[in-house]
Amino acid sequence: MKIQPVTTWFNGEPQTATNFTLISINDNFTTSAVLYYELQKEIVNEEVVSYENLITATLDISGQDYKDWSVEPDANTWIYNWAAGKLNLVLITE
């Protein structure tokens, strides 16, 4: 998912992340889940687009947030918005 550019340090240099991916890596289907995320830099090389991970980490979701996510009709949009809020990211919808 595209995000408003975020500058971070990577290998001792400032880099700009413009892409955000989110994957559920552990979900007990009752009370909590662990989400893996990546903030990525877009690389365009001869019209081929690829991404380089600048930040990789996890987020935990539980409690009322987990309950809200589990009943949301559009759970994918909901969880991306939730995670972006936790990370102070601004999603760009296309």
PDB file of N, CA and C in Angstrom:
ATOM      1  N   MET A   1       0.851  -1.164   0.000  1.00  0.00           N
ATOM      2  CA  MET A   1       0.000   0.000   0.000  1.00  0.00           C
ATOM      3  C   MET A   1       0.899   1.230   0.000  1.00  0.00           C
ATOM      4  N   LYS A   2       0.517   2.216  -0.778  1.00  0.00           N
ATOM      5  CA  LYS A   2       1.278   3.461  -0.850  1.00  0.00           C
ATOM      6  C   LYS A   2       1.025   4.292   0.409  1.00  0.00           C
ATOM      7  N   ILE A   3       2.086   4.974   0.853  1.00  0.00           N
ATOM      8  CA  ILE A   3       1.990   5.868   1.999  1.00  0.00           C
ATOM      9  C   ILE A   3       2.616   7.209   1.641  1.00  0.00           C
ATOM     10  N   GLN A   4       2.243   8.240   2.397  1.00  0.00           N
ATOM     11  CA  GLN A   4       2.957   9.497   2.257  1.00  0.00           C
ATOM     12  C   GLN A   4       4.403   9.224   2.623  1.00  0.00           C
ATOM     13  N   PRO A   5       5.353   9.781   1.877  1.00  0.00           N
ATOM     14  CA  PRO A   5       6.767   9.490   2.137  1.00  0.00           C
ATOM     15  C   PRO A   5       7.165   9.729   3.589  1.00  0.00           C
ATOM     16  N   VAL A   6       7.949   8.786   4.103  1.00  0.00           N
ATOM     17  CA  VAL A   6       8.474   8.836   5.460  1.00  0.00           C
ATOM     18  C   VAL A   6       9.986   8.656   5.367  1.00  0.00           C
ATOM     19  N   THR A   7      10.732   9.555   5.988  1.00  0.00           N
ATOM     20  CA  THR A   7      12.189   9.435   5.977  1.00  0.00           C
ATOM     21  C   THR A   7      12.647   8.671   7.205  1.00  0.00           C
ATOM     22  N   THR A   8      13.550   7.725   7.002  1.00  0.00           N
ATOM     23  CA  THR A   8      14.107   6.924   8.080  1.00  0.00           C
ATOM     24  C   THR A   8      15.593   6.700   7.804  1.00  0.00           C
ATOM     25  N   TRP A   9      16.317   6.273   8.805  1.00  0.00           N
ATOM     26  CA  TRP A   9      17.732   5.952   8.624  1.00  0.00           C
ATOM     27  C   TRP A   9      17.855   4.478   8.270  1.00  0.00           C
ATOM     28  N   PHE A  10      18.684   4.192   7.269  1.00  0.00           N
ATOM     29  CA  PHE A  10      18.936   2.816   6.838  1.00  0.00           C
ATOM     30  C   PHE A  10      20.392   2.731   6.406  1.00  0.00           C
ATOM     31  N   ASN A  11      21.150   1.861   7.039  1.00  0.00           N
ATOM     32  CA  ASN A  11      22.581   1.715   6.754  1.00  0.00           C
ATOM     33  C   ASN A  11      23.317   3.048   6.864  1.00  0.00           C
ATOM     34  N   GLY A  12      22.955   3.851   7.874  1.00  0.00           N
ATOM     35  CA  GLY A  12      23.644   5.100   8.139  1.00  0.00           C
ATOM     36  C   GLY A  12      23.305   6.252   7.221  1.00  0.00           C
ATOM     37  N   GLU A  13      22.261   6.104   6.405  1.00  0.00           N
ATOM     38  CA  GLU A  13      21.868   7.168   5.487  1.00  0.00           C
ATOM     39  C   GLU A  13      20.357   7.368   5.546  1.00  0.00           C
ATOM     40  N   PRO A  14      19.904   8.614   5.322  1.00  0.00           N
ATOM     41  CA  PRO A  14      18.455   8.817   5.260  1.00  0.00           C
ATOM     42  C   PRO A  14      17.883   8.188   3.993  1.00  0.00           C
ATOM     43  N   GLN A  15      16.772   7.502   4.159  1.00  0.00           N
ATOM     44  CA  GLN A  15      16.079   6.866   3.036  1.00  0.00           C
ATOM     45  C   GLN A  15      14.596   7.204   3.156  1.00  0.00           C
ATOM     46  N   THR A  16      13.900   7.172   2.035  1.00  0.00           N
ATOM     47  CA  THR A  16      12.481   7.506   2.034  1.00  0.00           C
ATOM     48  C   THR A  16      11.639   6.277   1.708  1.00  0.00           C
ATOM     49  N   ALA A  17      10.761   5.917   2.649  1.00  0.00           N
ATOM     50  CA  ALA A  17       9.820   4.813   2.446  1.00  0.00           C
ATOM     51  C   ALA A  17       8.536   5.370   1.842  1.00  0.00           C
ATOM     52  N   THR A  18       8.015   4.676   0.826  1.00  0.00           N
ATOM     53  CA  THR A  18       6.767   5.088   0.178  1.00  0.00           C
ATOM     54  C   THR A  18       5.773   3.933   0.057  1.00  0.00           C
ATOM     55  N   ASN A  19       6.138   2.766   0.584  1.00  0.00           N
ATOM     56  CA  ASN A  19       5.275   1.593   0.477  1.00  0.00           C
ATOM     57  C   ASN A  19       5.197   0.892   1.835  1.00  0.00           C
ATOM     58  N   PHE A  20       4.025   0.343   2.132  1.00  0.00           N
ATOM     59  CA  PHE A  20       3.752  -0.291   3.420  1.00  0.00           C
ATOM     60  C   PHE A  20       3.070  -1.625   3.157  1.00  0.00           C
ATOM     61  N   THR A  21       3.647  -2.711   3.664  1.00  0.00           N
ATOM     62  CA  THR A  21       2.996  -4.014   3.566  1.00  0.00           C
ATOM     63  C   THR A  21       2.706  -4.525   4.972  1.00  0.00           C
ATOM     64  N   LEU A  22       1.659  -5.328   5.074  1.00  0.00           N
ATOM     65  CA  LEU A  22       1.192  -5.815   6.368  1.00  0.00           C
ATOM     66  C   LEU A  22       0.706  -7.246   6.193  1.00  0.00           C
ATOM     67  N   ILE A  23       1.183  -8.148   7.074  1.00  0.00           N
ATOM     68  CA  ILE A  23       0.826  -9.559   6.991  1.00  0.00           C
ATOM     69  C   ILE A  23       0.528 -10.077   8.400  1.00  0.00           C
ATOM     70  N   SER A  24      -0.558 -10.813   8.547  1.00  0.00           N
ATOM     71  CA  SER A  24      -0.838 -11.475   9.816  1.00  0.00           C
ATOM     72  C   SER A  24       0.030 -12.732   9.894  1.00  0.00           C
ATOM     73  N   ILE A  25       0.867 -12.814  10.923  1.00  0.00           N
ATOM     74  CA  ILE A  25       1.762 -13.970  11.029  1.00  0.00           C
ATOM     75  C   ILE A  25       1.383 -14.923  12.158  1.00  0.00           C
ATOM     76  N   ASN A  26       0.488 -14.484  13.044  1.00  0.00           N
ATOM     77  CA  ASN A  26       0.046 -15.361  14.126  1.00  0.00           C
ATOM     78  C   ASN A  26      -1.286 -14.829  14.640  1.00  0.00           C
ATOM     79  N   ASP A  27      -2.315 -15.641  14.573  1.00  0.00           N
ATOM     80  CA  ASP A  27      -3.647 -15.224  14.998  1.00  0.00           C
ATOM     81  C   ASP A  27      -4.277 -16.384  15.761  1.00  0.00           C
ATOM     82  N   ASN A  28      -4.637 -16.151  17.012  1.00  0.00           N
ATOM     83  CA  ASN A  28      -5.249 -17.241  17.784  1.00  0.00           C
ATOM     84  C   ASN A  28      -6.754 -17.347  17.542  1.00  0.00           C
ATOM     85  N   PHE A  29      -7.305 -16.479  16.674  1.00  0.00           N
ATOM     86  CA  PHE A  29      -8.719 -16.487  16.266  1.00  0.00           C
ATOM     87  C   PHE A  29      -9.696 -16.251  17.414  1.00  0.00           C
ATOM     88  N   THR A  30      -9.169 -15.777  18.541  1.00  0.00           N
ATOM     89  CA  THR A  30     -10.036 -15.522  19.687  1.00  0.00           C
ATOM     90  C   THR A  30      -9.798 -14.138  20.291  1.00  0.00           C
ATOM     91  N   THR A  31      -8.524 -13.846  20.597  1.00  0.00           N
ATOM     92  CA  THR A  31      -8.258 -12.617  21.353  1.00  0.00           C
ATOM     93  C   THR A  31      -7.127 -11.748  20.824  1.00  0.00           C
ATOM     94  N   SER A  32      -6.238 -12.308  19.979  1.00  0.00           N
ATOM     95  CA  SER A  32      -5.073 -11.512  19.586  1.00  0.00           C
ATOM     96  C   SER A  32      -4.420 -12.044  18.313  1.00  0.00           C
ATOM     97  N   ALA A  33      -3.598 -11.167  17.719  1.00  0.00           N
ATOM     98  CA  ALA A  33      -2.829 -11.535  16.531  1.00  0.00           C
ATOM     99  C   ALA A  33      -1.531 -10.734  16.519  1.00  0.00           C
ATOM    100  N   VAL A  34      -0.561 -11.247  15.781  1.00  0.00           N
ATOM    101  CA  VAL A  34       0.704 -10.551  15.557  1.00  0.00           C
ATOM    102  C   VAL A  34       0.776 -10.236  14.070  1.00  0.00           C
ATOM    103  N   LEU A  35       1.061  -8.983  13.756  1.00  0.00           N
ATOM    104  CA  LEU A  35       1.141  -8.521  12.382  1.00  0.00           C
ATOM    105  C   LEU A  35       2.585  -8.144  12.064  1.00  0.00           C
ATOM    106  N   TYR A  36       3.075  -8.605  10.932  1.00  0.00           N
ATOM    107  CA  TYR A  36       4.417  -8.264  10.447  1.00  0.00           C
ATOM    108  C   TYR A  36       4.257  -7.152   9.429  1.00  0.00           C
ATOM    109  N   TYR A  37       5.090  -6.110   9.546  1.00  0.00           N
ATOM    110  CA  TYR A  37       5.001  -5.032   8.562  1.00  0.00           C
ATOM    111  C   TYR A  37       6.365  -4.667   8.008  1.00  0.00           C
ATOM    112  N   GLU A  38       6.325  -4.071   6.821  1.00  0.00           N
ATOM    113  CA  GLU A  38       7.526  -3.587   6.147  1.00  0.00           C
ATOM    114  C   GLU A  38       7.264  -2.179   5.637  1.00  0.00           C
ATOM    115  N   LEU A  39       8.218  -1.293   5.856  1.00  0.00           N
ATOM    116  CA  LEU A  39       8.228   0.008   5.199  1.00  0.00           C
ATOM    117  C   LEU A  39       9.304  -0.100   4.130  1.00  0.00           C
ATOM    118  N   GLN A  40       8.932   0.224   2.899  1.00  0.00           N
ATOM    119  CA  GLN A  40       9.804  -0.053   1.760  1.00  0.00           C
ATOM    120  C   GLN A  40      10.064   1.175   0.909  1.00  0.00           C
ATOM    121  N   LYS A  41      11.233   1.155   0.293  1.00  0.00           N
ATOM    122  CA  LYS A  41      11.623   2.168  -0.679  1.00  0.00           C
ATOM    123  C   LYS A  41      11.370   1.599  -2.069  1.00  0.00           C
ATOM    124  N   GLU A  42      10.757   2.412  -2.929  1.00  0.00           N
ATOM    125  CA  GLU A  42      10.504   1.991  -4.310  1.00  0.00           C
ATOM    126  C   GLU A  42      11.755   2.230  -5.148  1.00  0.00           C
ATOM    127  N   ILE A  43      12.116   1.226  -5.933  1.00  0.00           N
ATOM    128  CA  ILE A  43      13.270   1.323  -6.826  1.00  0.00           C
ATOM    129  C   ILE A  43      12.788   1.080  -8.250  1.00  0.00           C
ATOM    130  N   VAL A  44      13.044   2.046  -9.128  1.00  0.00           N
ATOM    131  CA  VAL A  44      12.663   1.910 -10.535  1.00  0.00           C
ATOM    132  C   VAL A  44      13.943   1.780 -11.341  1.00  0.00           C
ATOM    133  N   ASN A  45      14.067   0.666 -12.037  1.00  0.00           N
ATOM    134  CA  ASN A  45      15.250   0.393 -12.837  1.00  0.00           C
ATOM    135  C   ASN A  45      14.802  -0.054 -14.221  1.00  0.00           C
ATOM    136  N   GLU A  46      14.992   0.810 -15.198  1.00  0.00           N
ATOM    137  CA  GLU A  46      14.586   0.511 -16.578  1.00  0.00           C
ATOM    138  C   GLU A  46      13.120   0.081 -16.635  1.00  0.00           C
ATOM    139  N   GLU A  47      12.261   0.855 -16.021  1.00  0.00           N
ATOM    140  CA  GLU A  47      10.814   0.664 -16.010  1.00  0.00           C
ATOM    141  C   GLU A  47      10.351  -0.551 -15.204  1.00  0.00           C
ATOM    142  N   VAL A  48      11.251  -1.200 -14.494  1.00  0.00           N
ATOM    143  CA  VAL A  48      10.889  -2.313 -13.614  1.00  0.00           C
ATOM    144  C   VAL A  48      10.880  -1.790 -12.181  1.00  0.00           C
ATOM    145  N   VAL A  49       9.747  -1.962 -11.508  1.00  0.00           N
ATOM    146  CA  VAL A  49       9.609  -1.474 -10.137  1.00  0.00           C
ATOM    147  C   VAL A  49       9.857  -2.618  -9.164  1.00  0.00           C
ATOM    148  N   SER A  50      10.717  -2.367  -8.178  1.00  0.00           N
ATOM    149  CA  SER A  50      10.942  -3.318  -7.100  1.00  0.00           C
ATOM    150  C   SER A  50      10.963  -2.526  -5.792  1.00  0.00           C
ATOM    151  N   TYR A  51      11.021  -3.235  -4.678  1.00  0.00           N
ATOM    152  CA  TYR A  51      10.989  -2.578  -3.377  1.00  0.00           C
ATOM    153  C   TYR A  51      12.108  -3.114  -2.502  1.00  0.00           C
ATOM    154  N   GLU A  52      12.695  -2.211  -1.722  1.00  0.00           N
ATOM    155  CA  GLU A  52      13.734  -2.579  -0.759  1.00  0.00           C
ATOM    156  C   GLU A  52      13.197  -2.299   0.641  1.00  0.00           C
ATOM    157  N   ASN A  53      13.271  -3.290   1.521  1.00  0.00           N
ATOM    158  CA  ASN A  53      12.804  -3.104   2.897  1.00  0.00           C
ATOM    159  C   ASN A  53      13.755  -2.177   3.645  1.00  0.00           C
ATOM    160  N   LEU A  54      13.174  -1.154   4.256  1.00  0.00           N
ATOM    161  CA  LEU A  54      13.941  -0.250   5.107  1.00  0.00           C
ATOM    162  C   LEU A  54      13.693  -0.549   6.576  1.00  0.00           C
ATOM    163  N   ILE A  55      12.456  -0.896   6.908  1.00  0.00           N
ATOM    164  CA  ILE A  55      12.087  -1.231   8.280  1.00  0.00           C
ATOM    165  C   ILE A  55      11.199  -2.474   8.241  1.00  0.00           C
ATOM    166  N   THR A  56      11.502  -3.444   9.084  1.00  0.00           N
ATOM    167  CA  THR A  56      10.636  -4.607   9.272  1.00  0.00           C
ATOM    168  C   THR A  56      10.439  -4.791  10.777  1.00  0.00           C
ATOM    169  N   ALA A  57       9.208  -5.041  11.170  1.00  0.00           N
ATOM    170  CA  ALA A  57       8.917  -5.205  12.597  1.00  0.00           C
ATOM    171  C   ALA A  57       7.536  -5.846  12.746  1.00  0.00           C
ATOM    172  N   THR A  58       7.067  -5.927  13.973  1.00  0.00           N
ATOM    173  CA  THR A  58       5.749  -6.500  14.238  1.00  0.00           C
ATOM    174  C   THR A  58       4.909  -5.552  15.090  1.00  0.00           C
ATOM    175  N   LEU A  59       3.612  -5.736  14.981  1.00  0.00           N
ATOM    176  CA  LEU A  59       2.618  -5.057  15.813  1.00  0.00           C
ATOM    177  C   LEU A  59       1.717  -6.127  16.422  1.00  0.00           C
ATOM    178  N   ASP A  60       1.317  -5.942  17.654  1.00  0.00           N
ATOM    179  CA  ASP A  60       0.363  -6.838  18.301  1.00  0.00           C
ATOM    180  C   ASP A  60      -0.993  -6.159  18.335  1.00  0.00           C
ATOM    181  N   ILE A  61      -2.034  -6.929  18.066  1.00  0.00           N
ATOM    182  CA  ILE A  61      -3.396  -6.417  18.190  1.00  0.00           C
ATOM    183  C   ILE A  61      -4.159  -7.337  19.136  1.00  0.00           C
ATOM    184  N   SER A  62      -4.890  -6.720  20.081  1.00  0.00           N
ATOM    185  CA  SER A  62      -5.654  -7.503  21.052  1.00  0.00           C
ATOM    186  C   SER A  62      -6.762  -6.620  21.624  1.00  0.00           C
ATOM    187  N   GLY A  63      -7.500  -7.190  22.556  1.00  0.00           N
ATOM    188  CA  GLY A  63      -8.551  -6.438  23.232  1.00  0.00           C
ATOM    189  C   GLY A  63      -9.653  -5.989  22.286  1.00  0.00           C
ATOM    190  N   GLN A  64     -10.173  -4.784  22.542  1.00  0.00           N
ATOM    191  CA  GLN A  64     -11.282  -4.260  21.744  1.00  0.00           C
ATOM    192  C   GLN A  64     -10.876  -4.078  20.283  1.00  0.00           C
ATOM    193  N   ASP A  65      -9.616  -3.701  20.025  1.00  0.00           N
ATOM    194  CA  ASP A  65      -9.171  -3.559  18.636  1.00  0.00           C
ATOM    195  C   ASP A  65      -9.305  -4.880  17.886  1.00  0.00           C
ATOM    196  N   TYR A  66      -8.901  -5.977  18.518  1.00  0.00           N
ATOM    197  CA  TYR A  66      -9.021  -7.288  17.868  1.00  0.00           C
ATOM    198  C   TYR A  66     -10.493  -7.628  17.613  1.00  0.00           C
ATOM    199  N   LYS A  67     -11.348  -7.350  18.584  1.00  0.00           N
ATOM    200  CA  LYS A  67     -12.779  -7.616  18.408  1.00  0.00           C
ATOM    201  C   LYS A  67     -13.354  -6.793  17.257  1.00  0.00           C
ATOM    202  N   ASP A  68     -12.976  -5.517  17.194  1.00  0.00           N
ATOM    203  CA  ASP A  68     -13.472  -4.651  16.116  1.00  0.00           C
ATOM    204  C   ASP A  68     -13.023  -5.163  14.754  1.00  0.00           C
ATOM    205  N   TRP A  69     -11.774  -5.576  14.657  1.00  0.00           N
ATOM    206  CA  TRP A  69     -11.224  -6.096  13.402  1.00  0.00           C
ATOM    207  C   TRP A  69     -11.979  -7.352  12.970  1.00  0.00           C
ATOM    208  N   SER A  70     -12.290  -8.227  13.931  1.00  0.00           N
ATOM    209  CA  SER A  70     -12.876  -9.526  13.594  1.00  0.00           C
ATOM    210  C   SER A  70     -14.314  -9.413  13.088  1.00  0.00           C
ATOM    211  N   VAL A  71     -14.985  -8.315  13.374  1.00  0.00           N
ATOM    212  CA  VAL A  71     -16.372  -8.168  12.913  1.00  0.00           C
ATOM    213  C   VAL A  71     -16.508  -7.158  11.771  1.00  0.00           C
ATOM    214  N   GLU A  72     -15.426  -6.549  11.373  1.00  0.00           N
ATOM    215  CA  GLU A  72     -15.456  -5.533  10.316  1.00  0.00           C
ATOM    216  C   GLU A  72     -15.707  -6.187   8.959  1.00  0.00           C
ATOM    217  N   PRO A  73     -16.702  -5.727   8.196  1.00  0.00           N
ATOM    218  CA  PRO A  73     -16.975  -6.309   6.873  1.00  0.00           C
ATOM    219  C   PRO A  73     -15.789  -6.181   5.904  1.00  0.00           C
ATOM    220  N   ASP A  74     -15.062  -5.063   5.967  1.00  0.00           N
ATOM    221  CA  ASP A  74     -13.877  -4.892   5.131  1.00  0.00           C
ATOM    222  C   ASP A  74     -12.651  -4.939   6.037  1.00  0.00           C
ATOM    223  N   ALA A  75     -12.334  -6.139   6.518  1.00  0.00           N
ATOM    224  CA  ALA A  75     -11.274  -6.315   7.505  1.00  0.00           C
ATOM    225  C   ALA A  75      -9.908  -5.878   7.000  1.00  0.00           C
ATOM    226  N   ASN A  76      -9.626  -6.051   5.715  1.00  0.00           N
ATOM    227  CA  ASN A  76      -8.313  -5.661   5.187  1.00  0.00           C
ATOM    228  C   ASN A  76      -8.112  -4.154   5.271  1.00  0.00           C
ATOM    229  N   THR A  77      -9.105  -3.393   4.847  1.00  0.00           N
ATOM    230  CA  THR A  77      -8.995  -1.933   4.931  1.00  0.00           C
ATOM    231  C   THR A  77      -8.907  -1.498   6.385  1.00  0.00           C
ATOM    232  N   TRP A  78      -9.718  -2.097   7.234  1.00  0.00           N
ATOM    233  CA  TRP A  78      -9.724  -1.734   8.647  1.00  0.00           C
ATOM    234  C   TRP A  78      -8.347  -1.948   9.268  1.00  0.00           C
ATOM    235  N   ILE A  79      -7.720  -3.120   9.025  1.00  0.00           N
ATOM    236  CA  ILE A  79      -6.443  -3.417   9.679  1.00  0.00           C
ATOM    237  C   ILE A  79      -5.316  -2.541   9.139  1.00  0.00           C
ATOM    238  N   TYR A  80      -5.342  -2.232   7.843  1.00  0.00           N
ATOM    239  CA  TYR A  80      -4.334  -1.308   7.304  1.00  0.00           C
ATOM    240  C   TYR A  80      -4.474   0.072   7.954  1.00  0.00           C
ATOM    241  N   ASN A  81      -5.700   0.549   8.099  1.00  0.00           N
ATOM    242  CA  ASN A  81      -5.913   1.846   8.744  1.00  0.00           C
ATOM    243  C   ASN A  81      -5.497   1.814  10.210  1.00  0.00           C
ATOM    244  N   TRP A  82      -5.806   0.725  10.897  1.00  0.00           N
ATOM    245  CA  TRP A  82      -5.421   0.584  12.301  1.00  0.00           C
ATOM    246  C   TRP A  82      -3.904   0.611  12.444  1.00  0.00           C
ATOM    247  N   ALA A  83      -3.207  -0.193  11.644  1.00  0.00           N
ATOM    248  CA  ALA A  83      -1.742  -0.265  11.724  1.00  0.00           C
ATOM    249  C   ALA A  83      -1.113   1.069  11.341  1.00  0.00           C
ATOM    250  N   ALA A  84      -1.624   1.706  10.292  1.00  0.00           N
ATOM    251  CA  ALA A  84      -1.093   3.008   9.881  1.00  0.00           C
ATOM    252  C   ALA A  84      -1.242   4.021  11.019  1.00  0.00           C
ATOM    253  N   GLY A  85      -2.364   3.975  11.716  1.00  0.00           N
ATOM    254  CA  GLY A  85      -2.558   4.866  12.857  1.00  0.00           C
ATOM    255  C   GLY A  85      -1.548   4.614  13.966  1.00  0.00           C
ATOM    256  N   LYS A  86      -1.283   3.353  14.254  1.00  0.00           N
ATOM    257  CA  LYS A  86      -0.298   3.003  15.289  1.00  0.00           C
ATOM    258  C   LYS A  86       1.101   3.465  14.913  1.00  0.00           C
ATOM    259  N   LEU A  87       1.417   3.472  13.617  1.00  0.00           N
ATOM    260  CA  LEU A  87       2.759   3.818  13.139  1.00  0.00           C
ATOM    261  C   LEU A  87       2.872   5.267  12.655  1.00  0.00           C
ATOM    262  N   ASN A  88       1.799   6.035  12.820  1.00  0.00           N
ATOM    263  CA  ASN A  88       1.765   7.426  12.347  1.00  0.00           C
ATOM    264  C   ASN A  88       2.056   7.546  10.859  1.00  0.00           C
ATOM    265  N   LEU A  89       1.478   6.642  10.073  1.00  0.00           N
ATOM    266  CA  LEU A  89       1.610   6.675   8.628  1.00  0.00           C
ATOM    267  C   LEU A  89       0.324   7.210   8.020  1.00  0.00           C
ATOM    268  N   VAL A  90       0.436   7.841   6.854  1.00  0.00           N
ATOM    269  CA  VAL A  90      -0.737   8.302   6.120  1.00  0.00           C
ATOM    270  C   VAL A  90      -0.845   7.466   4.851  1.00  0.00           C
ATOM    271  N   LEU A  91      -1.929   6.698   4.740  1.00  0.00           N
ATOM    272  CA  LEU A  91      -2.148   5.855   3.574  1.00  0.00           C
ATOM    273  C   LEU A  91      -2.599   6.698   2.394  1.00  0.00           C
ATOM    274  N   ILE A  92      -2.162   6.301   1.216  1.00  0.00           N
ATOM    275  CA  ILE A  92      -2.596   6.941  -0.020  1.00  0.00           C
ATOM    276  C   ILE A  92      -3.463   5.943  -0.771  1.00  0.00           C
ATOM    277  N   THR A  93      -4.743   6.252  -0.877  1.00  0.00           N
ATOM    278  CA  THR A  93      -5.644   5.361  -1.598  1.00  0.00           C
ATOM    279  C   THR A  93      -5.702   5.784  -3.056  1.00  0.00           C
ATOM    280  N   GLU A  94      -5.632   4.789  -3.915  1.00  0.00           N
ATOM    281  CA  GLU A  94      -5.609   5.072  -5.351  1.00  0.00           C
ATOM    282  C   GLU A  94      -6.874   4.637  -6.002  1.00  0.00           C
TER     283      GLU A  94
END
